């Protein structure tokens, strides 16, 4: 039955897209400095998520690391103490792929 197979594939792709979208929207971003102190915490990403993470790591303070939490309930208290911080808007273009590839954490060199 070619029709039912197509319907299943369409449904599976739609569910995957909805799940990825919901997960990306529920993310909390926390940046720790080299002393393990929180310098940024928000549902908004600290760097431009439309770019690959390795290209934006230089925008973070040296020795800092970003941790992604798929539950934004830890973002109740926001912290915006990044040097030269700019308010950024989220783009899900590379977010899910980069989170999976980077193991949900990056470290600035």
C-alpha atoms as a PDB file:
ATOM      1  CA  UNK A   1       0.000   0.000   0.000  1.00  0.00           C
ATOM      2  CA  UNK A   2       1.969   2.985  -1.203  1.00  0.00           C
ATOM      3  CA  UNK A   3      -0.585   5.487   0.124  1.00  0.00           C
ATOM      4  CA  UNK A   4      -0.395   4.292   3.733  1.00  0.00           C
ATOM      5  CA  UNK A   5       3.419   4.241   3.664  1.00  0.00           C
ATOM      6  CA  UNK A   6       3.495   7.857   2.500  1.00  0.00           C
ATOM      7  CA  UNK A   7       1.030   8.823   5.210  1.00  0.00           C
ATOM      8  CA  UNK A   8       3.182   7.153   7.880  1.00  0.00           C
ATOM      9  CA  UNK A   9       6.341   8.890   6.634  1.00  0.00           C
ATOM     10  CA  UNK A  10       4.597  12.262   6.579  1.00  0.00           C
ATOM     11  CA  UNK A  11       3.267  11.770  10.086  1.00  0.00           C
ATOM     12  CA  UNK A  12       6.662  10.632  11.385  1.00  0.00           C
ATOM     13  CA  UNK A  13       8.424  13.640   9.839  1.00  0.00           C
ATOM     14  CA  UNK A  14       5.816  16.033  11.218  1.00  0.00           C
ATOM     15  CA  UNK A  15       6.168  14.559  14.719  1.00  0.00           C
ATOM     16  CA  UNK A  16       9.967  14.806  14.532  1.00  0.00           C
ATOM     17  CA  UNK A  17       9.785  18.453  13.453  1.00  0.00           C
ATOM     18  CA  UNK A  18       7.322  19.322  16.215  1.00  0.00           C
ATOM     19  CA  UNK A  19       9.397  17.537  18.851  1.00  0.00           C
ATOM     20  CA  UNK A  20      12.626  19.263  17.763  1.00  0.00           C
ATOM     21  CA  UNK A  21      10.883  22.624  17.708  1.00  0.00           C
ATOM     22  CA  UNK A  22       9.387  22.165  21.170  1.00  0.00           C
ATOM     23  CA  UNK A  23      12.722  20.970  22.576  1.00  0.00           C
ATOM     24  CA  UNK A  24      14.559  23.949  21.118  1.00  0.00           C
ATOM     25  CA  UNK A  25      12.028  26.367  22.597  1.00  0.00           C
ATOM     26  CA  UNK A  26      12.331  24.827  26.074  1.00  0.00           C
ATOM     27  CA  UNK A  27      16.102  25.225  26.295  1.00  0.00           C
ATOM     28  CA  UNK A  28      17.941  27.090  29.041  1.00  0.00           C
ATOM     29  CA  UNK A  29      21.448  28.381  28.303  1.00  0.00           C
ATOM     30  CA  UNK A  30      23.909  28.784  31.177  1.00  0.00           C
ATOM     31  CA  UNK A  31      27.424  30.185  30.748  1.00  0.00           C
ATOM     32  CA  UNK A  32      29.983  29.506  33.467  1.00  0.00           C
ATOM     33  CA  UNK A  33      33.225  31.481  33.668  1.00  0.00           C
ATOM     34  CA  UNK A  34      36.630  29.923  34.367  1.00  0.00           C
ATOM     35  CA  UNK A  35      35.856  30.089  38.121  1.00  0.00           C
ATOM     36  CA  UNK A  36      32.615  28.093  37.664  1.00  0.00           C
ATOM     37  CA  UNK A  37      30.479  31.146  38.405  1.00  0.00           C
ATOM     38  CA  UNK A  38      27.310  31.704  36.387  1.00  0.00           C
ATOM     39  CA  UNK A  39      27.767  34.727  34.147  1.00  0.00           C
ATOM     40  CA  UNK A  40      24.762  34.147  31.886  1.00  0.00           C
ATOM     41  CA  UNK A  41      21.500  32.244  32.213  1.00  0.00           C
ATOM     42  CA  UNK A  42      18.534  32.723  29.913  1.00  0.00           C
ATOM     43  CA  UNK A  43      16.132  31.043  27.530  1.00  0.00           C
ATOM     44  CA  UNK A  44      17.790  33.229  24.865  1.00  0.00           C
ATOM     45  CA  UNK A  45      21.122  31.882  23.554  1.00  0.00           C
ATOM     46  CA  UNK A  46      24.290  33.794  24.503  1.00  0.00           C
ATOM     47  CA  UNK A  47      25.635  33.515  20.939  1.00  0.00           C
ATOM     48  CA  UNK A  48      24.160  33.545  17.433  1.00  0.00           C
ATOM     49  CA  UNK A  49      22.663  30.062  17.072  1.00  0.00           C
ATOM     50  CA  UNK A  50      22.284  30.444  13.303  1.00  0.00           C
ATOM     51  CA  UNK A  51      26.054  29.823  13.094  1.00  0.00           C
ATOM     52  CA  UNK A  52      27.890  26.606  14.032  1.00  0.00           C
ATOM     53  CA  UNK A  53      28.941  26.709  17.695  1.00  0.00           C
ATOM     54  CA  UNK A  54      32.661  26.475  16.938  1.00  0.00           C
ATOM     55  CA  UNK A  55      32.354  29.793  15.053  1.00  0.00           C
ATOM     56  CA  UNK A  56      30.755  31.613  17.993  1.00  0.00           C
ATOM     57  CA  UNK A  57      32.845  30.238  20.874  1.00  0.00           C
ATOM     58  CA  UNK A  58      35.254  33.191  20.491  1.00  0.00           C
ATOM     59  CA  UNK A  59      32.436  35.559  21.487  1.00  0.00           C
ATOM     60  CA  UNK A  60      32.490  34.089  25.000  1.00  0.00           C
ATOM     61  CA  UNK A  61      35.057  34.901  27.706  1.00  0.00           C
ATOM     62  CA  UNK A  62      38.189  32.756  27.678  1.00  0.00           C
ATOM     63  CA  UNK A  63      37.792  29.593  29.757  1.00  0.00           C
ATOM     64  CA  UNK A  64      34.007  29.836  29.870  1.00  0.00           C
ATOM     65  CA  UNK A  65      31.635  27.050  28.946  1.00  0.00           C
ATOM     66  CA  UNK A  66      28.021  26.901  27.817  1.00  0.00           C
ATOM     67  CA  UNK A  67      25.643  24.254  29.109  1.00  0.00           C
ATOM     68  CA  UNK A  68      22.315  23.610  27.374  1.00  0.00           C
ATOM     69  CA  UNK A  69      19.496  22.293  29.529  1.00  0.00           C
ATOM     70  CA  UNK A  70      16.438  20.985  27.674  1.00  0.00           C
ATOM     71  CA  UNK A  71      14.209  22.281  30.483  1.00  0.00           C
ATOM     72  CA  UNK A  72      13.890  26.034  30.831  1.00  0.00           C
ATOM     73  CA  UNK A  73      12.538  25.807  34.398  1.00  0.00           C
ATOM     74  CA  UNK A  74      16.124  26.382  35.617  1.00  0.00           C
ATOM     75  CA  UNK A  75      16.009  29.768  33.866  1.00  0.00           C
ATOM     76  CA  UNK A  76      13.706  31.258  36.492  1.00  0.00           C
ATOM     77  CA  UNK A  77      16.454  33.670  37.588  1.00  0.00           C
ATOM     78  CA  UNK A  78      18.133  35.172  34.542  1.00  0.00           C
ATOM     79  CA  UNK A  79      21.744  36.369  34.702  1.00  0.00           C
ATOM     80  CA  UNK A  80      23.204  38.727  32.065  1.00  0.00           C
ATOM     81  CA  UNK A  81      26.798  39.414  33.133  1.00  0.00           C
ATOM     82  CA  UNK A  82      28.663  38.576  29.919  1.00  0.00           C
ATOM     83  CA  UNK A  83      31.208  41.241  28.983  1.00  0.00           C
ATOM     84  CA  UNK A  84      29.860  43.208  26.020  1.00  0.00           C
ATOM     85  CA  UNK A  85      26.690  41.122  26.006  1.00  0.00           C
ATOM     86  CA  UNK A  86      24.217  41.816  23.259  1.00  0.00           C
ATOM     87  CA  UNK A  87      20.618  40.703  23.379  1.00  0.00           C
ATOM     88  CA  UNK A  88      20.303  38.001  20.761  1.00  0.00           C
ATOM     89  CA  UNK A  89      17.318  36.337  19.243  1.00  0.00           C
ATOM     90  CA  UNK A  90      17.092  32.607  18.904  1.00  0.00           C
ATOM     91  CA  UNK A  91      17.322  30.844  15.582  1.00  0.00           C
ATOM     92  CA  UNK A  92      16.773  27.129  15.480  1.00  0.00           C
ATOM     93  CA  UNK A  93      18.680  26.711  12.203  1.00  0.00           C
ATOM     94  CA  UNK A  94      21.607  24.776  13.671  1.00  0.00           C
ATOM     95  CA  UNK A  95      20.550  24.527  17.301  1.00  0.00           C
ATOM     96  CA  UNK A  96      19.412  20.905  17.556  1.00  0.00           C
ATOM     97  CA  UNK A  97      22.154  19.584  15.258  1.00  0.00           C
ATOM     98  CA  UNK A  98      24.880  21.495  17.088  1.00  0.00           C
ATOM     99  CA  UNK A  99      23.597  20.427  20.497  1.00  0.00           C
ATOM    100  CA  UNK A 100      23.691  16.785  19.465  1.00  0.00           C
ATOM    101  CA  UNK A 101      27.107  17.100  17.810  1.00  0.00           C
ATOM    102  CA  UNK A 102      28.678  19.105  20.639  1.00  0.00           C
ATOM    103  CA  UNK A 103      27.321  16.939  23.438  1.00  0.00           C
ATOM    104  CA  UNK A 104      25.273  19.876  24.780  1.00  0.00           C
ATOM    105  CA  UNK A 105      28.357  21.731  25.997  1.00  0.00           C
ATOM    106  CA  UNK A 106      31.030  23.938  24.467  1.00  0.00           C
ATOM    107  CA  UNK A 107      34.103  25.449  26.061  1.00  0.00           C
ATOM    108  CA  UNK A 108      35.684  28.711  24.940  1.00  0.00           C
ATOM    109  CA  UNK A 109      39.438  28.516  24.390  1.00  0.00           C
END
